[in-house]
Amino acid sequence: MSACSCEGTHEAPTETEEVVEAEKSEALEEPVMESDIDKSEELYKDMEATLGKLKEIMAYLEEMKDEKMDHEEKEEEEKAEHEEKMEDEEKAEHEEEEEEDEEEEKMDHKKKDTIDELHKSLTTLKKYGINVYSGSRKTPAPKKIDAPAVEEKTNWFNFSKSLDEVAHMKGEETRI
C-alpha cells in the first residue's frame, strides 16, 4: 500500500488487517460453495426433468414410427389391391377387345355380302335405264328449264314504293 497524501495522521496498515481480509475471503467462499451446491442440485433436477421429457418424446416418436409403419403397410396393401384390380381390368379389356375383333370380322363379312347385293341391284337398275346416285354425288340437273323466266321491268321515273315494300320484294327485313 502507498502512503496517504491527506497529511493527516494515519496508522500504517498492519499485517493483521491482511489476515482479516484473508479470513473474510475464506468466509465468503463457504456460502458461494453452498450456492454452487444449490445450483448443481437445481441443475441436476433440471437434467432429470429434461431426461424425463426426452423419454416421453422418444416414446411418442416410437408410437409415431409404429403408426407410420402401419400406414405404409396399409398403403402397400392398397397398392397391391389396386394392381390386382388393374390386372383384372386389363384382362377384361383384352377379352372385350377379342370379342370386338370377332364381331368386327362378322360385320365385315356381312358388309361384304350387303355390298355384293347392292352392286347386283345397281347393275340391274342400270340395265333397265335407271341411274341411282348416293353419298356425296349430286343428281345432275336437267339441261333445259321448262319454267319461263319472269322479268318485271321497273320504271325508275315513276317509282312509288316505300322502303319496306322494296325490302319485302327482295326478301329482306328493314331495320329502322
N, C-alpha and C. Protein backbone atom coordinates (compact mmCIF):
# COMPACT_ATOMS: atom_id res chain seq x y z
N MET A 1 0.82 -1.17 0.00
CA MET A 1 0.00 0.00 0.00
C MET A 1 0.86 1.24 0.00
N SER A 2 0.32 2.30 -0.47
CA SER A 2 1.10 3.54 -0.52
C SER A 2 0.70 4.45 0.62
N ALA A 3 1.52 5.43 0.89
CA ALA A 3 1.26 6.37 1.99
C ALA A 3 0.16 7.31 1.59
N CYS A 4 -0.55 7.81 2.55
CA CYS A 4 -1.69 8.68 2.32
C CYS A 4 -1.21 10.09 2.00
N SER A 5 -1.89 10.81 1.16
CA SER A 5 -1.48 12.15 0.78
C SER A 5 -2.32 13.22 1.48
N CYS A 6 -3.15 12.86 2.40
CA CYS A 6 -4.01 13.83 3.07
C CYS A 6 -3.31 14.56 4.21
N GLU A 7 -2.16 14.29 4.51
CA GLU A 7 -1.33 14.88 5.55
C GLU A 7 -1.93 14.71 6.93
N GLY A 8 -2.75 13.79 7.05
CA GLY A 8 -3.29 13.51 8.37
C GLY A 8 -2.51 12.40 9.02
N THR A 9 -2.85 12.14 10.21
CA THR A 9 -2.15 11.08 10.91
C THR A 9 -2.91 9.77 10.70
N HIS A 10 -2.30 8.94 10.07
CA HIS A 10 -2.88 7.61 9.82
C HIS A 10 -1.91 6.58 10.30
N GLU A 11 -2.49 5.54 10.66
CA GLU A 11 -1.63 4.46 11.07
C GLU A 11 -1.26 3.63 9.85
N ALA A 12 -0.14 3.16 9.88
CA ALA A 12 0.30 2.32 8.78
C ALA A 12 -0.45 1.01 8.86
N PRO A 13 -0.78 0.46 7.75
CA PRO A 13 -1.51 -0.79 7.76
C PRO A 13 -0.66 -1.88 8.37
N THR A 14 -1.33 -2.68 9.08
CA THR A 14 -0.62 -3.76 9.76
C THR A 14 -0.93 -5.07 9.07
N GLU A 15 -0.19 -6.05 9.46
CA GLU A 15 -0.35 -7.37 8.86
C GLU A 15 -1.63 -8.04 9.34
N THR A 16 -2.13 -7.64 10.45
CA THR A 16 -3.35 -8.26 10.97
C THR A 16 -4.55 -7.95 10.07
N GLU A 17 -4.54 -6.76 9.50
CA GLU A 17 -5.64 -6.42 8.61
C GLU A 17 -5.62 -7.33 7.38
N GLU A 18 -4.46 -7.63 6.91
CA GLU A 18 -4.36 -8.52 5.76
C GLU A 18 -4.85 -9.91 6.11
N VAL A 19 -4.56 -10.35 7.27
CA VAL A 19 -5.00 -11.65 7.72
C VAL A 19 -6.53 -11.65 7.84
N VAL A 20 -7.06 -10.53 8.32
CA VAL A 20 -8.51 -10.42 8.46
C VAL A 20 -9.16 -10.46 7.08
N GLU A 21 -8.52 -9.76 6.17
CA GLU A 21 -9.07 -9.79 4.82
C GLU A 21 -9.06 -11.21 4.26
N ALA A 22 -8.01 -11.93 4.55
CA ALA A 22 -7.92 -13.30 4.09
C ALA A 22 -9.01 -14.14 4.74
N GLU A 23 -9.25 -13.91 6.03
CA GLU A 23 -10.29 -14.67 6.71
C GLU A 23 -11.66 -14.33 6.15
N LYS A 24 -11.85 -13.04 5.78
CA LYS A 24 -13.14 -12.65 5.21
C LYS A 24 -13.37 -13.34 3.86
N SER A 25 -12.33 -13.43 3.06
CA SER A 25 -12.50 -14.08 1.76
C SER A 25 -12.78 -15.56 1.92
N GLU A 26 -12.15 -16.18 2.94
CA GLU A 26 -12.44 -17.58 3.20
C GLU A 26 -13.88 -17.75 3.67
N ALA A 27 -14.34 -16.82 4.42
CA ALA A 27 -15.71 -16.89 4.91
C ALA A 27 -16.69 -16.71 3.74
N LEU A 28 -16.33 -15.88 2.79
CA LEU A 28 -17.19 -15.68 1.64
C LEU A 28 -17.22 -16.91 0.73
N GLU A 29 -16.17 -17.64 0.68
CA GLU A 29 -16.12 -18.81 -0.19
C GLU A 29 -17.08 -19.89 0.27
N GLU A 30 -17.31 -20.03 1.53
CA GLU A 30 -18.21 -21.07 2.01
C GLU A 30 -19.64 -20.88 1.51
N PRO A 31 -20.25 -19.68 1.63
CA PRO A 31 -21.61 -19.56 1.09
C PRO A 31 -21.63 -19.69 -0.44
N VAL A 32 -20.58 -19.27 -1.10
CA VAL A 32 -20.52 -19.43 -2.55
C VAL A 32 -20.54 -20.91 -2.89
N MET A 33 -19.88 -21.69 -2.15
CA MET A 33 -19.85 -23.12 -2.39
C MET A 33 -21.24 -23.72 -2.14
N GLU A 34 -21.91 -23.22 -1.11
CA GLU A 34 -23.25 -23.72 -0.85
C GLU A 34 -24.18 -23.35 -2.02
N SER A 35 -24.00 -22.14 -2.55
CA SER A 35 -24.84 -21.75 -3.68
C SER A 35 -24.48 -22.57 -4.92
N ASP A 36 -23.17 -22.88 -5.03
CA ASP A 36 -22.77 -23.76 -6.12
C ASP A 36 -23.43 -25.12 -5.97
N ILE A 37 -23.48 -25.60 -4.74
CA ILE A 37 -24.12 -26.89 -4.48
C ILE A 37 -25.60 -26.78 -4.81
N ASP A 38 -26.22 -25.68 -4.37
CA ASP A 38 -27.64 -25.48 -4.68
C ASP A 38 -27.85 -25.41 -6.20
N LYS A 39 -26.94 -24.71 -6.86
CA LYS A 39 -27.05 -24.60 -8.32
C LYS A 39 -26.86 -25.96 -8.98
N SER A 40 -25.90 -26.72 -8.50
CA SER A 40 -25.67 -28.03 -9.11
C SER A 40 -26.85 -28.96 -8.83
N GLU A 41 -27.46 -28.84 -7.63
CA GLU A 41 -28.65 -29.64 -7.34
C GLU A 41 -29.80 -29.23 -8.26
N GLU A 42 -29.97 -27.92 -8.46
CA GLU A 42 -31.01 -27.44 -9.35
C GLU A 42 -30.73 -27.90 -10.78
N LEU A 43 -29.46 -27.82 -11.15
CA LEU A 43 -29.07 -28.29 -12.48
C LEU A 43 -29.34 -29.78 -12.63
N TYR A 44 -29.05 -30.56 -11.59
CA TYR A 44 -29.30 -31.99 -11.60
C TYR A 44 -30.79 -32.28 -11.73
N LYS A 45 -31.60 -31.51 -10.98
CA LYS A 45 -33.05 -31.69 -11.06
C LYS A 45 -33.57 -31.31 -12.46
N ASP A 46 -33.03 -30.23 -13.00
CA ASP A 46 -33.42 -29.83 -14.35
C ASP A 46 -33.03 -30.90 -15.38
N MET A 47 -31.86 -31.47 -15.18
CA MET A 47 -31.41 -32.52 -16.10
C MET A 47 -32.31 -33.75 -16.00
N GLU A 48 -32.73 -34.09 -14.78
CA GLU A 48 -33.63 -35.23 -14.61
C GLU A 48 -34.98 -34.95 -15.29
N ALA A 49 -35.48 -33.71 -15.12
CA ALA A 49 -36.75 -33.34 -15.76
C ALA A 49 -36.60 -33.40 -17.29
N THR A 50 -35.48 -32.89 -17.78
CA THR A 50 -35.23 -32.91 -19.22
C THR A 50 -35.13 -34.36 -19.72
N LEU A 51 -34.46 -35.20 -18.95
CA LEU A 51 -34.34 -36.61 -19.31
C LEU A 51 -35.72 -37.27 -19.36
N GLY A 52 -36.57 -36.94 -18.40
CA GLY A 52 -37.94 -37.46 -18.39
C GLY A 52 -38.70 -37.02 -19.64
N LYS A 53 -38.57 -35.75 -19.99
CA LYS A 53 -39.23 -35.23 -21.20
C LYS A 53 -38.69 -35.93 -22.44
N LEU A 54 -37.37 -36.13 -22.49
CA LEU A 54 -36.78 -36.82 -23.64
C LEU A 54 -37.31 -38.24 -23.77
N LYS A 55 -37.47 -38.93 -22.61
CA LYS A 55 -38.02 -40.28 -22.65
C LYS A 55 -39.45 -40.26 -23.18
N GLU A 56 -40.25 -39.26 -22.77
CA GLU A 56 -41.61 -39.13 -23.27
C GLU A 56 -41.61 -38.89 -24.78
N ILE A 57 -40.70 -38.03 -25.23
CA ILE A 57 -40.61 -37.73 -26.65
C ILE A 57 -40.20 -38.97 -27.43
N MET A 58 -39.25 -39.72 -26.90
CA MET A 58 -38.80 -40.94 -27.57
C MET A 58 -39.96 -41.95 -27.67
N ALA A 59 -40.74 -42.06 -26.59
CA ALA A 59 -41.88 -42.98 -26.63
C ALA A 59 -42.90 -42.51 -27.67
N TYR A 60 -43.15 -41.22 -27.73
CA TYR A 60 -44.09 -40.66 -28.70
C TYR A 60 -43.59 -40.91 -30.13
N LEU A 61 -42.29 -40.67 -30.35
CA LEU A 61 -41.73 -40.92 -31.68
C LEU A 61 -41.81 -42.40 -32.06
N GLU A 62 -41.62 -43.26 -31.09
CA GLU A 62 -41.73 -44.70 -31.35
C GLU A 62 -43.16 -45.06 -31.76
N GLU A 63 -44.13 -44.45 -31.07
CA GLU A 63 -45.54 -44.68 -31.44
C GLU A 63 -45.81 -44.17 -32.85
N MET A 64 -45.28 -42.98 -33.15
CA MET A 64 -45.47 -42.41 -34.48
C MET A 64 -44.83 -43.29 -35.55
N LYS A 65 -43.67 -43.85 -35.23
CA LYS A 65 -42.99 -44.73 -36.17
C LYS A 65 -43.84 -45.97 -36.42
N ASP A 66 -44.40 -46.53 -35.34
CA ASP A 66 -45.28 -47.70 -35.49
C ASP A 66 -46.49 -47.35 -36.34
N GLU A 67 -47.10 -46.19 -36.08
CA GLU A 67 -48.26 -45.76 -36.86
C GLU A 67 -47.87 -45.56 -38.32
N LYS A 68 -46.70 -44.98 -38.54
CA LYS A 68 -46.23 -44.75 -39.90
C LYS A 68 -46.02 -46.09 -40.60
N MET A 69 -45.43 -47.03 -39.90
CA MET A 69 -45.21 -48.35 -40.48
C MET A 69 -46.56 -49.00 -40.80
N ASP A 70 -47.52 -48.87 -39.87
CA ASP A 70 -48.85 -49.42 -40.13
C ASP A 70 -49.46 -48.75 -41.34
N HIS A 71 -49.30 -47.44 -41.42
CA HIS A 71 -49.84 -46.68 -42.55
C HIS A 71 -49.17 -47.12 -43.85
N GLU A 72 -47.86 -47.29 -43.82
CA GLU A 72 -47.13 -47.72 -45.01
C GLU A 72 -47.57 -49.13 -45.42
N GLU A 73 -47.76 -50.01 -44.43
CA GLU A 73 -48.23 -51.36 -44.74
C GLU A 73 -49.61 -51.31 -45.38
N LYS A 74 -50.48 -50.44 -44.86
CA LYS A 74 -51.81 -50.29 -45.44
C LYS A 74 -51.70 -49.79 -46.88
N GLU A 75 -50.81 -48.81 -47.09
CA GLU A 75 -50.62 -48.28 -48.44
C GLU A 75 -50.13 -49.38 -49.39
N GLU A 76 -49.19 -50.19 -48.90
CA GLU A 76 -48.68 -51.28 -49.73
C GLU A 76 -49.79 -52.27 -50.07
N GLU A 77 -50.63 -52.57 -49.07
CA GLU A 77 -51.75 -53.47 -49.32
C GLU A 77 -52.71 -52.86 -50.34
N GLU A 78 -52.98 -51.56 -50.18
CA GLU A 78 -53.87 -50.87 -51.12
C GLU A 78 -53.27 -50.88 -52.53
N LYS A 79 -51.96 -50.65 -52.61
CA LYS A 79 -51.30 -50.70 -53.91
C LYS A 79 -51.42 -52.09 -54.53
N ALA A 80 -51.21 -53.11 -53.71
CA ALA A 80 -51.31 -54.48 -54.22
C ALA A 80 -52.74 -54.76 -54.70
N GLU A 81 -53.73 -54.31 -53.92
CA GLU A 81 -55.12 -54.50 -54.33
C GLU A 81 -55.41 -53.74 -55.63
N HIS A 82 -54.87 -52.52 -55.68
CA HIS A 82 -55.07 -51.69 -56.88
C HIS A 82 -54.45 -52.36 -58.11
N GLU A 83 -53.24 -52.90 -57.93
CA GLU A 83 -52.58 -53.59 -59.04
C GLU A 83 -53.38 -54.81 -59.48
N GLU A 84 -53.93 -55.54 -58.51
CA GLU A 84 -54.76 -56.70 -58.85
C GLU A 84 -55.99 -56.27 -59.64
N LYS A 85 -56.61 -55.18 -59.19
CA LYS A 85 -57.78 -54.66 -59.90
C LYS A 85 -57.40 -54.25 -61.31
N MET A 86 -56.25 -53.58 -61.43
CA MET A 86 -55.80 -53.15 -62.76
C MET A 86 -55.55 -54.35 -63.67
N GLU A 87 -54.93 -55.40 -63.12
CA GLU A 87 -54.69 -56.60 -63.90
C GLU A 87 -56.01 -57.23 -64.34
N ASP A 88 -56.98 -57.28 -63.41
CA ASP A 88 -58.29 -57.84 -63.76
C ASP A 88 -58.95 -57.00 -64.84
N GLU A 89 -58.86 -55.67 -64.70
CA GLU A 89 -59.44 -54.78 -65.71
C GLU A 89 -58.76 -54.96 -67.06
N GLU A 90 -57.42 -55.10 -67.04
CA GLU A 90 -56.69 -55.31 -68.29
C GLU A 90 -57.11 -56.63 -68.95
N LYS A 91 -57.29 -57.66 -68.14
CA LYS A 91 -57.74 -58.94 -68.68
C LYS A 91 -59.13 -58.79 -69.28
N ALA A 92 -60.00 -58.08 -68.55
CA ALA A 92 -61.37 -57.89 -69.05
C ALA A 92 -61.34 -57.08 -70.34
N GLU A 93 -60.52 -56.04 -70.39
CA GLU A 93 -60.41 -55.23 -71.61
C GLU A 93 -59.88 -56.07 -72.77
N HIS A 94 -58.90 -56.89 -72.48
CA HIS A 94 -58.33 -57.76 -73.52
C HIS A 94 -59.40 -58.70 -74.06
N GLU A 95 -60.19 -59.27 -73.14
CA GLU A 95 -61.26 -60.17 -73.58
C GLU A 95 -62.30 -59.40 -74.40
N GLU A 96 -62.62 -58.17 -73.96
CA GLU A 96 -63.58 -57.36 -74.70
C GLU A 96 -63.04 -57.03 -76.09
N GLU A 97 -61.75 -56.72 -76.18
CA GLU A 97 -61.15 -56.43 -77.48
C GLU A 97 -61.22 -57.64 -78.40
N GLU A 98 -60.97 -58.81 -77.84
CA GLU A 98 -61.06 -60.03 -78.64
C GLU A 98 -62.49 -60.23 -79.14
N GLU A 99 -63.46 -60.01 -78.26
CA GLU A 99 -64.86 -60.14 -78.65
C GLU A 99 -65.21 -59.12 -79.74
N GLU A 100 -64.72 -57.88 -79.57
CA GLU A 100 -64.98 -56.84 -80.56
C GLU A 100 -64.35 -57.20 -81.90
N ASP A 101 -63.13 -57.74 -81.86
CA ASP A 101 -62.48 -58.16 -83.10
C ASP A 101 -63.30 -59.23 -83.81
N GLU A 102 -63.79 -60.20 -83.04
CA GLU A 102 -64.61 -61.25 -83.63
C GLU A 102 -65.89 -60.66 -84.23
N GLU A 103 -66.52 -59.72 -83.50
CA GLU A 103 -67.73 -59.07 -84.00
C GLU A 103 -67.43 -58.28 -85.27
N GLU A 104 -66.28 -57.59 -85.29
CA GLU A 104 -65.90 -56.82 -86.47
C GLU A 104 -65.70 -57.74 -87.68
N GLU A 105 -65.08 -58.88 -87.45
CA GLU A 105 -64.89 -59.83 -88.55
C GLU A 105 -66.24 -60.29 -89.09
N LYS A 106 -67.17 -60.56 -88.18
CA LYS A 106 -68.51 -60.97 -88.61
C LYS A 106 -69.19 -59.83 -89.37
N MET A 107 -69.04 -58.58 -88.86
CA MET A 107 -69.65 -57.43 -89.51
C MET A 107 -69.01 -57.20 -90.88
N ASP A 108 -67.69 -57.36 -90.97
CA ASP A 108 -67.02 -57.20 -92.27
C ASP A 108 -67.56 -58.21 -93.28
N HIS A 109 -67.75 -59.42 -92.83
CA HIS A 109 -68.29 -60.45 -93.71
C HIS A 109 -69.71 -60.08 -94.14
N LYS A 110 -70.51 -59.59 -93.18
CA LYS A 110 -71.88 -59.17 -93.51
C LYS A 110 -71.86 -57.99 -94.46
N LYS A 111 -70.95 -57.04 -94.22
CA LYS A 111 -70.85 -55.86 -95.09
C LYS A 111 -70.47 -56.27 -96.51
N LYS A 112 -69.56 -57.21 -96.63
CA LYS A 112 -69.17 -57.68 -97.97
C LYS A 112 -70.37 -58.30 -98.68
N ASP A 113 -71.16 -59.06 -97.93
CA ASP A 113 -72.36 -59.66 -98.53
C ASP A 113 -73.34 -58.57 -98.98
N THR A 114 -73.56 -57.56 -98.13
CA THR A 114 -74.50 -56.50 -98.49
C THR A 114 -73.96 -55.67 -99.65
N ILE A 115 -72.67 -55.45 -99.71
CA ILE A 115 -72.08 -54.69 -100.82
C ILE A 115 -72.27 -55.45 -102.13
N ASP A 116 -72.06 -56.74 -102.08
CA ASP A 116 -72.27 -57.55 -103.28
C ASP A 116 -73.73 -57.48 -103.74
N GLU A 117 -74.64 -57.56 -102.78
CA GLU A 117 -76.07 -57.48 -103.12
C GLU A 117 -76.42 -56.13 -103.71
N LEU A 118 -75.89 -55.04 -103.14
CA LEU A 118 -76.15 -53.70 -103.66
C LEU A 118 -75.60 -53.55 -105.07
N HIS A 119 -74.41 -54.08 -105.29
CA HIS A 119 -73.80 -53.99 -106.62
C HIS A 119 -74.66 -54.69 -107.67
N LYS A 120 -75.15 -55.86 -107.31
CA LYS A 120 -76.03 -56.60 -108.23
C LYS A 120 -77.31 -55.81 -108.52
N SER A 121 -77.86 -55.19 -107.44
CA SER A 121 -79.10 -54.40 -107.62
C SER A 121 -78.86 -53.20 -108.51
N LEU A 122 -77.75 -52.50 -108.31
CA LEU A 122 -77.44 -51.31 -109.11
C LEU A 122 -77.22 -51.68 -110.58
N THR A 123 -76.51 -52.77 -110.81
CA THR A 123 -76.29 -53.18 -112.20
C THR A 123 -77.61 -53.55 -112.89
N THR A 124 -78.51 -54.15 -112.13
CA THR A 124 -79.82 -54.49 -112.69
C THR A 124 -80.59 -53.22 -113.04
N LEU A 125 -80.55 -52.21 -112.11
CA LEU A 125 -81.26 -50.96 -112.38
C LEU A 125 -80.65 -50.23 -113.57
N LYS A 126 -79.33 -50.22 -113.69
CA LYS A 126 -78.67 -49.55 -114.81
C LYS A 126 -79.05 -50.24 -116.13
N LYS A 127 -79.18 -51.53 -116.06
CA LYS A 127 -79.53 -52.30 -117.24
C LYS A 127 -80.87 -51.84 -117.81
N TYR A 128 -81.77 -51.46 -116.93
CA TYR A 128 -83.09 -51.02 -117.36
C TYR A 128 -83.18 -49.50 -117.49
N GLY A 129 -82.07 -48.77 -117.39
CA GLY A 129 -82.03 -47.34 -117.64
C GLY A 129 -82.31 -46.46 -116.43
N ILE A 130 -82.20 -46.97 -115.25
CA ILE A 130 -82.44 -46.17 -114.03
C ILE A 130 -81.10 -45.94 -113.35
N ASN A 131 -80.74 -44.66 -113.23
CA ASN A 131 -79.49 -44.32 -112.53
C ASN A 131 -79.78 -43.99 -111.07
N VAL A 132 -78.97 -44.51 -110.18
CA VAL A 132 -79.13 -44.28 -108.74
C VAL A 132 -77.85 -43.61 -108.23
N TYR A 133 -78.04 -42.46 -107.58
CA TYR A 133 -76.91 -41.73 -107.01
C TYR A 133 -77.01 -41.78 -105.50
N SER A 134 -75.88 -41.97 -104.83
CA SER A 134 -75.88 -41.99 -103.37
C SER A 134 -74.61 -41.33 -102.85
N GLY A 135 -74.63 -41.02 -101.58
CA GLY A 135 -73.44 -40.44 -100.97
C GLY A 135 -73.29 -38.98 -101.30
N SER A 136 -72.09 -38.57 -101.64
CA SER A 136 -71.81 -37.15 -101.87
C SER A 136 -72.06 -36.73 -103.31
N ARG A 137 -72.39 -37.65 -104.16
CA ARG A 137 -72.65 -37.28 -105.56
C ARG A 137 -73.96 -36.51 -105.63
N LYS A 138 -74.00 -35.57 -106.54
CA LYS A 138 -75.21 -34.79 -106.75
C LYS A 138 -75.92 -35.31 -108.01
N THR A 139 -77.23 -35.28 -107.92
CA THR A 139 -78.02 -35.69 -109.08
C THR A 139 -77.88 -34.62 -110.15
N PRO A 140 -77.59 -35.00 -111.37
CA PRO A 140 -77.41 -33.98 -112.42
C PRO A 140 -78.73 -33.24 -112.70
N ALA A 141 -78.63 -31.98 -112.91
CA ALA A 141 -79.81 -31.15 -113.19
C ALA A 141 -80.23 -31.35 -114.64
N PRO A 142 -81.51 -31.16 -114.93
CA PRO A 142 -81.95 -31.28 -116.33
C PRO A 142 -81.32 -30.16 -117.16
N LYS A 143 -81.12 -30.44 -118.45
CA LYS A 143 -80.43 -29.49 -119.31
C LYS A 143 -81.26 -28.23 -119.57
N LYS A 144 -82.56 -28.36 -119.69
CA LYS A 144 -83.39 -27.23 -120.04
C LYS A 144 -84.44 -27.03 -118.96
N ILE A 145 -84.62 -25.78 -118.53
CA ILE A 145 -85.63 -25.46 -117.55
C ILE A 145 -86.92 -25.15 -118.30
N ASP A 146 -88.01 -25.83 -117.93
CA ASP A 146 -89.29 -25.66 -118.61
C ASP A 146 -90.03 -24.40 -118.16
N ALA A 147 -89.77 -23.88 -116.98
CA ALA A 147 -90.49 -22.71 -116.47
C ALA A 147 -89.98 -21.45 -117.15
N PRO A 148 -90.90 -20.58 -117.58
CA PRO A 148 -90.44 -19.33 -118.23
C PRO A 148 -89.89 -18.35 -117.21
N ALA A 149 -88.94 -17.56 -117.60
CA ALA A 149 -88.34 -16.56 -116.71
C ALA A 149 -89.27 -15.38 -116.61
N VAL A 150 -89.46 -14.88 -115.41
CA VAL A 150 -90.35 -13.74 -115.19
C VAL A 150 -89.47 -12.53 -114.93
N GLU A 151 -89.60 -11.57 -115.77
CA GLU A 151 -88.83 -10.34 -115.58
C GLU A 151 -89.80 -9.18 -115.56
N GLU A 152 -89.75 -8.44 -114.53
CA GLU A 152 -90.55 -7.22 -114.45
C GLU A 152 -89.62 -6.06 -114.68
N LYS A 153 -90.00 -5.22 -115.54
CA LYS A 153 -89.19 -4.04 -115.76
C LYS A 153 -89.66 -2.97 -114.80
N THR A 154 -88.71 -2.32 -114.19
CA THR A 154 -89.03 -1.29 -113.22
C THR A 154 -88.89 0.07 -113.87
N ASN A 155 -89.93 0.84 -113.75
CA ASN A 155 -89.90 2.20 -114.25
C ASN A 155 -89.37 3.09 -113.13
N TRP A 156 -88.13 3.46 -113.24
CA TRP A 156 -87.48 4.21 -112.17
C TRP A 156 -87.95 5.67 -112.12
N PHE A 157 -88.53 6.17 -113.17
CA PHE A 157 -89.02 7.55 -113.15
C PHE A 157 -90.36 7.65 -112.45
N ASN A 158 -91.10 6.58 -112.42
CA ASN A 158 -92.40 6.59 -111.77
C ASN A 158 -92.38 5.53 -110.65
N PHE A 159 -91.49 5.68 -109.70
CA PHE A 159 -91.30 4.70 -108.62
C PHE A 159 -91.98 5.21 -107.37
N SER A 160 -93.01 4.51 -106.86
CA SER A 160 -93.78 5.00 -105.73
C SER A 160 -93.87 3.97 -104.60
N LYS A 161 -92.89 3.13 -104.43
CA LYS A 161 -92.95 2.14 -103.36
C LYS A 161 -92.11 2.62 -102.18
N SER A 162 -92.52 2.19 -101.00
CA SER A 162 -91.78 2.57 -99.79
C SER A 162 -90.58 1.63 -99.61
N LEU A 163 -89.69 1.98 -98.71
CA LEU A 163 -88.51 1.16 -98.45
C LEU A 163 -88.91 -0.21 -97.90
N ASP A 164 -89.96 -0.25 -97.10
CA ASP A 164 -90.43 -1.53 -96.57
C ASP A 164 -90.89 -2.46 -97.69
N GLU A 165 -91.61 -1.92 -98.66
CA GLU A 165 -92.09 -2.73 -99.77
C GLU A 165 -90.93 -3.24 -100.63
N VAL A 166 -89.92 -2.39 -100.82
CA VAL A 166 -88.75 -2.81 -101.61
C VAL A 166 -88.01 -3.91 -100.87
N ALA A 167 -87.84 -3.77 -99.56
CA ALA A 167 -87.16 -4.80 -98.77
C ALA A 167 -87.94 -6.09 -98.80
N HIS A 168 -89.28 -5.98 -98.75
CA HIS A 168 -90.11 -7.17 -98.79
C HIS A 168 -89.99 -7.87 -100.15
N MET A 169 -89.86 -7.10 -101.21
CA MET A 169 -89.68 -7.68 -102.54
C MET A 169 -88.35 -8.42 -102.64
N LYS A 170 -87.34 -7.88 -101.99
CA LYS A 170 -86.03 -8.53 -102.01
C LYS A 170 -85.97 -9.72 -101.05
N GLY A 171 -86.89 -9.78 -100.11
CA GLY A 171 -86.89 -10.85 -99.10
C GLY A 171 -86.07 -10.49 -97.90
N GLU A 172 -85.90 -9.23 -97.65
CA GLU A 172 -85.11 -8.76 -96.52
C GLU A 172 -86.03 -8.08 -95.51
N GLU A 173 -85.53 -7.92 -94.34
CA GLU A 173 -86.26 -7.19 -93.31
C GLU A 173 -85.61 -5.83 -93.16
N THR A 174 -86.42 -4.84 -92.90
CA THR A 174 -85.86 -3.50 -92.67
C THR A 174 -85.61 -3.29 -91.20
N ARG A 175 -84.55 -2.64 -90.92
CA ARG A 175 -84.21 -2.37 -89.52
C ARG A 175 -84.10 -0.85 -89.35
N ILE A 176 -85.14 -0.28 -88.92
CA ILE A 176 -85.13 1.17 -88.72
C ILE A 176 -85.31 1.49 -87.26
